Amino acid sequence: MQIARYHMARLCGLVLSLALAGCTLPRGAGFQSEVLAAREVQTDAAGNPVYDFSVFGITRETLPVITSWPDTGTRRYSWITAQAQPASMLIAPGDELQVTIWDAEENSLLTSPGQRVAQLQSMQVASDGRIFIPFVGDLRVAGMSQQAARARIEEMLVATVPSAQVQVQVKPGRANTASLVSGVNAPGSYPLPDRDVSVLALIALGGGIRAGITNPQVRLFRGNTIYGTSVDRLFENPSLDTRLVGGDRVIVEEEQRVFLSLGAANQQSRHMFPNDRVTALDALADIGGVSDTRANPQGILILRQYPSDALRADLSGPPQERMVFTIDLTKADGLFSAGKFEIQSGDLIYVTESPLGSARTVLGLVGTGLGLFDKIN
């Protein structure tokens, strides 16, 4: 009788455990079949299904097609290739000039008796690029180097002051300064001592990039045009370290591109791009990989939305606005291809749940139920 009661208790425990397992088990992500089954939304006039999105596997065969599609990320900026400039500044309107004239003549028109040096008052280059020189009149100096302006003044003085020797010193005005607006330790306006001051040199003058900025981006405002690149690109390629001109404004800002991770990933969060180029493998590493006990390594989904004007029926562009790219991490081709597939700003990396995870949960519930009844009896 005792044995019968024991087996009856175990049978009840098993039935209860299976009943619990039959209920909907809580999961942190959907199965791949569940997510992709939602794509059929209606039918066309011929009765054919119309899908809300398209699914492409990331493989060696599909990569050349997919990588030719447009970038859906943040605005792309052009950049100016660096060109070495002479180590001299060009005088511009607004600069302040200090002109000193030496005259060895006894009866000089510029100096008092016993003096040999005439120090003219500081003068600002007018908006028309001219300054006033005694016995010469208005003289255009804008666009000249400091040495060229000195030679021009001497040339114009020869008729009245034959022995004159001229020295010119220039204090840059607004037209010969560049501004560091933000993202550095010492923002402000900095004079350009010559035409060969580069973007990185200006950032160095501003005390370097402020700590804590992820993948810092440089924006160069020149007139009505905005140019942009990353600091890493400037470091890696010196030919991109463009030279500044007066009036340039430079800001350093944090990377604005982000991607999301959800589902059975080890991190469910919003992630900033750590580098200019982030592949699917990079992104998976950044989110800490996938859950060992829950994730389906064959069901890594990347969801992306394209603008309607990018769609193409011939696959030269995406066939639909909503695209789902699948990655199989259990195959070498999937791994290699994931290392070449670039993540774009706004992408969602969704790690689907493994059916084995639910099976483990069921077995755990059964084991727990049987163990509980064993303890009772």
Protein backbone atom coordinates (compact mmCIF):
# COMPACT_ATOMS: atom_id res chain seq x y z
CA MET A 1 0.00 0.00 0.00
CA GLN A 2 2.86 2.32 0.90
CA ILE A 3 4.53 1.61 -2.45
CA ALA A 4 1.32 2.39 -4.31
CA ARG A 5 1.00 5.73 -2.51
CA TYR A 6 4.61 6.56 -3.35
CA HIS A 7 4.15 5.87 -7.06
CA MET A 8 0.89 7.78 -7.03
CA ALA A 9 2.65 10.80 -5.50
CA ARG A 10 5.37 10.69 -8.12
CA LEU A 11 2.75 10.38 -10.85
CA CYS A 12 0.92 13.42 -9.48
CA GLY A 13 4.20 15.34 -9.38
CA LEU A 14 4.93 14.42 -12.96
CA VAL A 15 1.43 15.43 -14.10
CA LEU A 16 1.68 18.74 -12.25
CA SER A 17 5.11 19.44 -13.70
CA LEU A 18 3.91 18.70 -17.22
CA ALA A 19 0.89 20.91 -16.66
CA LEU A 20 3.15 23.74 -15.62
CA ALA A 21 5.39 23.10 -18.59
CA GLY A 22 2.37 23.17 -20.87
CA CYS A 23 1.66 26.73 -19.82
CA THR A 24 3.33 29.52 -21.74
CA LEU A 25 6.82 29.80 -20.32
CA PRO A 26 8.27 33.27 -19.82
CA ARG A 27 10.94 34.08 -22.42
CA GLY A 28 13.16 37.07 -23.01
CA ALA A 29 12.98 36.78 -26.80
CA GLY A 30 10.96 35.23 -29.58
CA PHE A 31 11.87 32.19 -31.59
CA GLN A 32 13.20 32.89 -35.08
CA SER A 33 10.14 31.20 -36.59
CA GLU A 34 7.85 33.46 -34.55
CA VAL A 35 9.59 36.68 -35.60
CA LEU A 36 9.80 35.84 -39.28
CA ALA A 37 6.27 34.36 -39.46
CA ALA A 38 4.83 37.84 -38.94
CA ARG A 39 5.94 39.03 -42.36
CA GLU A 40 2.86 37.89 -44.34
CA VAL A 41 0.31 40.67 -43.92
CA GLN A 42 -2.02 40.52 -46.91
CA THR A 43 -2.48 39.15 -50.43
CA ASP A 44 -2.47 40.86 -53.80
CA ALA A 45 -5.21 40.72 -56.48
CA ALA A 46 -3.89 37.38 -57.72
CA GLY A 47 -4.03 35.87 -54.26
CA ASN A 48 -0.28 35.87 -53.77
CA PRO A 49 0.99 36.77 -50.31
CA VAL A 50 2.38 40.25 -49.80
CA TYR A 51 5.06 40.50 -47.18
CA ASP A 52 5.74 43.37 -44.84
CA PHE A 53 9.51 42.84 -45.03
CA SER A 54 12.16 40.82 -46.84
CA VAL A 55 14.63 38.40 -45.32
CA PHE A 56 18.19 37.98 -46.58
CA GLY A 57 20.76 35.60 -45.14
CA ILE A 58 24.24 37.06 -44.72
CA THR A 59 26.43 34.76 -46.79
CA ARG A 60 29.30 34.97 -49.24
CA GLU A 61 26.80 34.98 -52.13
CA THR A 62 24.54 37.76 -50.80
CA LEU A 63 27.21 40.11 -49.40
CA PRO A 64 28.17 41.74 -52.75
CA VAL A 65 24.51 42.57 -53.36
CA ILE A 66 23.73 43.88 -49.87
CA THR A 67 26.89 45.95 -49.47
CA SER A 68 26.01 47.91 -52.63
CA TRP A 69 22.81 49.19 -51.03
CA PRO A 70 22.78 52.74 -49.59
CA ASP A 71 23.78 53.67 -46.07
CA THR A 72 20.74 54.47 -43.94
CA GLY A 73 22.81 56.01 -41.15
CA THR A 74 23.40 59.59 -40.18
CA ARG A 75 24.34 62.30 -42.64
CA ARG A 76 27.55 61.73 -44.55
CA TYR A 77 29.96 64.65 -44.89
CA SER A 78 32.65 65.25 -47.46
CA TRP A 79 36.17 66.21 -46.42
CA ILE A 80 39.02 68.27 -47.84
CA THR A 81 42.31 66.60 -48.68
CA ALA A 82 45.30 68.37 -47.16
CA GLN A 83 47.61 70.40 -49.38
CA ALA A 84 50.86 71.76 -47.99
CA GLN A 85 50.90 75.55 -47.85
CA PRO A 86 53.72 78.09 -47.57
CA ALA A 87 54.79 78.91 -44.03
CA SER A 88 53.61 82.50 -44.33
CA MET A 89 50.42 84.31 -43.50
CA LEU A 90 48.46 86.37 -46.02
CA ILE A 91 47.37 89.74 -44.75
CA ALA A 92 43.59 90.13 -44.63
CA PRO A 93 41.13 92.91 -43.77
CA GLY A 94 40.94 93.30 -40.01
CA ASP A 95 44.59 92.43 -39.39
CA GLU A 96 46.58 94.94 -37.38
CA LEU A 97 49.88 96.10 -38.90
CA GLN A 98 52.80 97.67 -37.10
CA VAL A 99 55.07 99.45 -39.63
CA THR A 100 58.58 100.61 -38.67
CA ILE A 101 60.69 102.67 -41.12
CA TRP A 102 64.45 103.22 -40.81
CA ASP A 103 65.82 106.27 -42.62
CA ALA A 104 69.56 107.11 -42.67
CA GLU A 105 69.06 110.54 -44.31
CA GLU A 106 70.03 113.61 -42.23
CA ASN A 107 66.99 115.57 -43.35
CA SER A 108 64.48 112.76 -43.21
CA LEU A 109 60.84 113.49 -43.90
CA LEU A 110 59.80 110.77 -41.47
CA THR A 111 62.03 111.24 -38.43
CA SER A 112 63.02 114.08 -36.14
CA PRO A 113 66.63 115.39 -36.09
CA GLY A 114 68.93 112.84 -34.51
CA GLN A 115 66.46 110.01 -34.98
CA ARG A 116 66.77 107.22 -37.49
CA VAL A 117 63.59 105.22 -36.82
CA ALA A 118 59.98 106.18 -37.46
CA GLN A 119 57.47 104.03 -35.62
CA LEU A 120 54.10 104.47 -37.31
CA GLN A 121 50.94 104.04 -35.31
CA SER A 122 49.34 100.60 -35.45
CA MET A 123 46.82 100.49 -38.24
CA GLN A 124 44.06 98.07 -39.11
CA VAL A 125 43.72 96.82 -42.64
CA ALA A 126 40.51 98.33 -43.97
CA SER A 127 37.69 96.32 -45.50
CA ASP A 128 39.04 97.20 -48.96
CA GLY A 129 42.43 95.73 -47.99
CA ARG A 130 44.29 99.06 -47.78
CA ILE A 131 46.40 100.90 -45.21
CA PHE A 132 47.69 104.47 -45.16
CA ILE A 133 51.46 105.11 -45.40
CA PRO A 134 52.83 108.70 -45.10
CA PHE A 135 54.12 110.10 -48.44
CA VAL A 136 52.60 107.09 -50.19
CA GLY A 137 48.91 107.28 -49.45
CA ASP A 138 46.52 104.34 -49.44
CA LEU A 139 48.28 101.11 -50.29
CA ARG A 140 46.60 97.75 -50.83
CA VAL A 141 48.27 95.00 -48.81
CA ALA A 142 45.49 92.42 -48.41
CA GLY A 143 46.45 89.10 -49.98
CA MET A 144 50.18 89.79 -49.55
CA SER A 145 52.53 87.93 -47.28
CA GLN A 146 54.28 89.91 -44.57
CA GLN A 147 57.49 89.96 -46.64
CA ALA A 148 55.68 91.05 -49.81
CA ALA A 149 53.96 93.92 -47.97
CA ARG A 150 57.30 95.09 -46.57
CA ALA A 151 58.91 95.09 -50.03
CA ARG A 152 55.93 96.91 -51.54
CA ILE A 153 56.06 99.70 -48.94
CA GLU A 154 59.81 100.15 -49.50
CA GLU A 155 59.23 100.31 -53.24
CA MET A 156 56.59 103.01 -52.87
CA LEU A 157 58.77 105.07 -50.49
CA VAL A 158 61.82 105.16 -52.79
CA ALA A 159 60.74 108.36 -54.53
CA THR A 160 60.54 110.36 -51.28
CA VAL A 161 62.71 108.37 -48.85
CA PRO A 162 65.45 106.72 -50.96
CA SER A 163 67.26 105.06 -48.04
CA ALA A 164 64.12 103.78 -46.30
CA GLN A 165 64.14 100.27 -44.87
CA VAL A 166 60.84 98.87 -43.66
CA GLN A 167 59.80 96.31 -41.08
CA VAL A 168 56.21 95.02 -40.92
CA GLN A 169 54.68 93.06 -38.08
CA VAL A 170 51.20 91.57 -38.38
CA LYS A 171 48.74 90.78 -35.62
CA PRO A 172 46.07 88.48 -37.09
CA GLY A 173 42.50 89.74 -37.02
CA ARG A 174 39.28 87.75 -37.32
CA ALA A 175 39.96 86.90 -40.95
CA ASN A 176 43.23 85.20 -39.96
CA THR A 177 41.95 83.26 -36.97
CA ALA A 178 40.17 79.92 -36.61
CA SER A 179 37.73 79.03 -33.83
CA LEU A 180 37.63 75.86 -31.76
CA VAL A 181 34.03 75.80 -30.61
CA SER A 182 33.64 72.65 -28.51
CA GLY A 183 34.96 69.20 -27.66
CA VAL A 184 38.44 70.39 -26.62
CA ASN A 185 39.93 71.37 -23.28
CA ALA A 186 40.46 75.03 -24.19
CA PRO A 187 37.92 76.25 -26.77
CA GLY A 188 38.42 79.70 -28.24
CA SER A 189 39.69 81.69 -31.22
CA TYR A 190 43.28 81.05 -32.27
CA PRO A 191 45.37 83.16 -34.65
CA LEU A 192 46.78 81.38 -37.69
CA PRO A 193 50.47 82.33 -37.79
CA ASP A 194 50.81 80.93 -41.31
CA ARG A 195 48.92 79.11 -44.04
CA ASP A 196 50.13 75.66 -42.96
CA VAL A 197 48.13 75.22 -39.73
CA SER A 198 46.23 71.92 -39.87
CA VAL A 199 43.07 70.74 -38.11
CA LEU A 200 45.03 68.49 -35.72
CA ALA A 201 47.45 71.35 -34.98
CA LEU A 202 44.52 73.58 -34.04
CA ILE A 203 43.07 70.85 -31.80
CA ALA A 204 46.47 70.58 -30.11
CA LEU A 205 46.47 74.35 -29.54
CA GLY A 206 43.12 73.89 -27.82
CA GLY A 207 44.57 71.45 -25.32
CA GLY A 208 43.52 68.28 -27.11
CA ILE A 209 40.21 66.45 -27.20
CA ARG A 210 38.18 66.42 -24.01
CA ALA A 211 38.26 63.09 -22.16
CA GLY A 212 35.26 60.79 -22.39
CA ILE A 213 34.24 61.51 -26.00
CA THR A 214 33.49 58.26 -27.83
CA ASN A 215 34.88 58.02 -31.37
CA PRO A 216 35.31 61.83 -31.65
CA GLN A 217 34.09 63.41 -34.87
CA VAL A 218 35.45 66.63 -36.41
CA ARG A 219 33.13 69.12 -38.09
CA LEU A 220 34.73 71.92 -40.10
CA PHE A 221 32.51 74.89 -40.93
CA ARG A 222 33.89 76.89 -43.86
CA GLY A 223 31.54 79.52 -45.20
CA ASN A 224 28.18 77.83 -45.71
CA THR A 225 29.65 74.35 -46.09
CA ILE A 226 30.09 71.71 -43.39
CA TYR A 227 32.84 69.10 -43.76
CA GLY A 228 33.19 66.12 -41.47
CA THR A 229 35.38 63.16 -40.61
CA SER A 230 36.61 61.30 -37.53
CA VAL A 231 39.73 62.03 -35.54
CA ASP A 232 40.81 58.42 -36.06
CA ARG A 233 40.82 58.96 -39.85
CA LEU A 234 42.99 62.06 -39.44
CA PHE A 235 45.45 60.07 -37.32
CA GLU A 236 45.53 57.16 -39.74
CA ASN A 237 45.84 59.22 -42.92
CA PRO A 238 47.95 62.42 -42.68
CA SER A 239 46.82 63.46 -46.16
CA LEU A 240 43.39 64.17 -44.63
CA ASP A 241 44.74 66.61 -42.04
CA THR A 242 43.53 69.59 -44.03
CA ARG A 243 44.97 73.10 -43.67
CA LEU A 244 42.82 75.82 -42.17
CA VAL A 245 41.92 79.21 -43.58
CA GLY A 246 40.86 82.30 -41.72
CA GLY A 247 37.29 82.18 -40.46
CA ASP A 248 37.15 78.39 -40.17
CA ARG A 249 35.20 77.01 -37.22
CA VAL A 250 35.96 73.55 -35.85
CA ILE A 251 33.94 71.50 -33.41
CA VAL A 252 34.72 68.07 -31.98
CA GLU A 253 31.65 66.06 -31.04
CA GLU A 254 30.79 62.60 -29.84
CA GLU A 255 29.78 59.91 -32.31
CA GLN A 256 26.04 60.22 -33.03
CA ARG A 257 25.48 56.81 -34.65
CA VAL A 258 23.93 54.08 -32.49
CA PHE A 259 22.64 50.54 -32.82
CA LEU A 260 20.36 48.54 -30.50
CA SER A 261 20.59 45.04 -29.07
CA LEU A 262 17.60 43.07 -27.76
CA GLY A 263 16.47 39.52 -27.13
CA ALA A 264 18.79 36.80 -25.88
CA ALA A 265 21.85 39.03 -26.11
CA ASN A 266 24.03 39.44 -23.05
CA GLN A 267 23.33 43.18 -23.17
CA GLN A 268 20.01 44.70 -24.14
CA SER A 269 20.89 48.31 -24.68
CA ARG A 270 21.62 51.23 -26.98
CA HIS A 271 25.22 51.23 -28.18
CA MET A 272 27.26 54.07 -29.62
CA PHE A 273 29.52 53.24 -32.56
CA PRO A 274 33.00 52.81 -31.03
CA ASN A 275 34.73 53.12 -34.44
CA ASP A 276 33.96 54.46 -37.89
CA ARG A 277 33.34 50.96 -39.19
CA VAL A 278 31.47 48.37 -37.10
CA THR A 279 30.79 44.92 -38.51
CA ALA A 280 28.17 42.50 -37.25
CA LEU A 281 30.90 40.53 -35.44
CA ASP A 282 32.21 43.75 -33.86
CA ALA A 283 28.72 44.60 -32.69
CA LEU A 284 28.15 41.12 -31.23
CA ALA A 285 31.43 41.43 -29.34
CA ASP A 286 30.42 44.91 -28.07
CA ILE A 287 27.16 43.56 -26.64
CA GLY A 288 29.01 40.78 -24.83
CA GLY A 289 27.99 38.02 -27.19
CA VAL A 290 24.81 35.99 -26.83
CA SER A 291 23.41 34.05 -23.89
CA ASP A 292 24.90 30.56 -23.66
CA THR A 293 21.70 29.05 -22.23
CA ARG A 294 19.01 30.99 -24.12
CA ALA A 295 20.25 32.23 -27.49
CA ASN A 296 19.81 30.55 -30.85
CA PRO A 297 23.20 31.01 -32.60
CA GLN A 298 21.52 30.20 -35.91
CA GLY A 299 18.99 32.98 -35.45
CA ILE A 300 20.82 36.31 -35.17
CA LEU A 301 18.61 38.91 -36.84
CA ILE A 302 19.55 42.43 -37.91
CA LEU A 303 16.53 44.63 -38.59
CA ARG A 304 16.98 47.73 -40.75
CA GLN A 305 14.64 50.20 -42.42
CA TYR A 306 15.52 51.88 -45.73
CA PRO A 307 13.96 55.03 -47.19
CA SER A 308 11.36 54.45 -49.88
CA ASP A 309 13.45 56.20 -52.54
CA ALA A 310 16.22 53.59 -52.10
CA LEU A 311 14.03 50.63 -53.13
CA ARG A 312 14.89 48.79 -56.35
CA ALA A 313 13.16 45.82 -57.96
CA ASP A 314 16.40 44.58 -59.58
CA LEU A 315 18.20 44.29 -56.19
CA SER A 316 20.52 47.19 -56.97
CA GLY A 317 18.81 48.52 -53.87
CA PRO A 318 16.71 46.89 -51.14
CA PRO A 319 13.45 45.35 -52.40
CA GLN A 320 11.47 46.64 -49.40
CA GLU A 321 11.76 49.35 -46.77
CA ARG A 322 11.85 46.83 -43.93
CA MET A 323 14.70 44.35 -44.20
CA VAL A 324 15.76 41.50 -41.92
CA PHE A 325 19.26 40.08 -42.30
CA THR A 326 19.95 36.69 -40.70
CA ILE A 327 23.27 35.36 -39.47
CA ASP A 328 24.12 31.75 -38.65
CA LEU A 329 26.99 31.70 -36.18
CA THR A 330 27.28 27.91 -36.36
CA LYS A 331 28.73 28.00 -39.87
CA ALA A 332 32.11 29.26 -41.02
CA ASP A 333 30.53 31.12 -43.93
CA GLY A 334 28.17 32.88 -41.54
CA LEU A 335 31.05 33.94 -39.30
CA PHE A 336 33.25 35.17 -42.14
CA SER A 337 30.33 37.01 -43.74
CA ALA A 338 29.31 38.60 -40.44
CA GLY A 339 32.84 39.98 -40.21
CA LYS A 340 32.29 41.85 -43.49
CA PHE A 341 28.69 42.95 -43.02
CA GLU A 342 28.69 46.53 -41.74
CA ILE A 343 26.21 47.70 -39.15
CA GLN A 344 24.43 50.99 -39.91
CA SER A 345 23.09 53.58 -37.54
CA GLY A 346 19.65 52.61 -36.25
CA ASP A 347 20.11 48.87 -36.81
CA LEU A 348 18.54 46.50 -34.29
CA ILE A 349 20.47 43.32 -33.47
CA TYR A 350 17.90 40.84 -32.23
CA VAL A 351 19.09 37.51 -30.79
CA THR A 352 16.29 34.95 -30.98
CA GLU A 353 15.52 32.40 -28.30
CA SER A 354 16.65 28.80 -28.70
CA PRO A 355 13.94 26.11 -28.45
CA LEU A 356 16.44 24.14 -26.37
CA GLY A 357 16.19 26.81 -23.71
CA SER A 358 12.50 26.10 -23.26
CA ALA A 359 13.20 22.37 -23.23
CA ARG A 360 15.71 22.87 -20.44
CA THR A 361 13.10 24.85 -18.52
CA VAL A 362 10.55 22.04 -18.93
CA LEU A 363 13.02 19.44 -17.73
CA GLY A 364 13.91 21.64 -14.81
CA LEU A 365 10.27 21.98 -13.81
CA VAL A 366 9.74 18.23 -14.06
CA GLY A 367 12.82 17.57 -11.95
CA THR A 368 11.76 20.16 -9.39
CA GLY A 369 8.28 18.67 -9.14
CA LEU A 370 9.52 15.15 -8.67
CA GLY A 371 12.07 16.25 -6.14
CA LEU A 372 9.43 18.13 -4.16
CA PHE A 373 7.17 15.09 -3.89
CA ASP A 374 10.13 12.93 -2.97
CA LYS A 375 10.83 15.24 -0.03
CA ILE A 376 7.18 15.23 1.05
CA ASN A 377 7.09 11.48 1.07
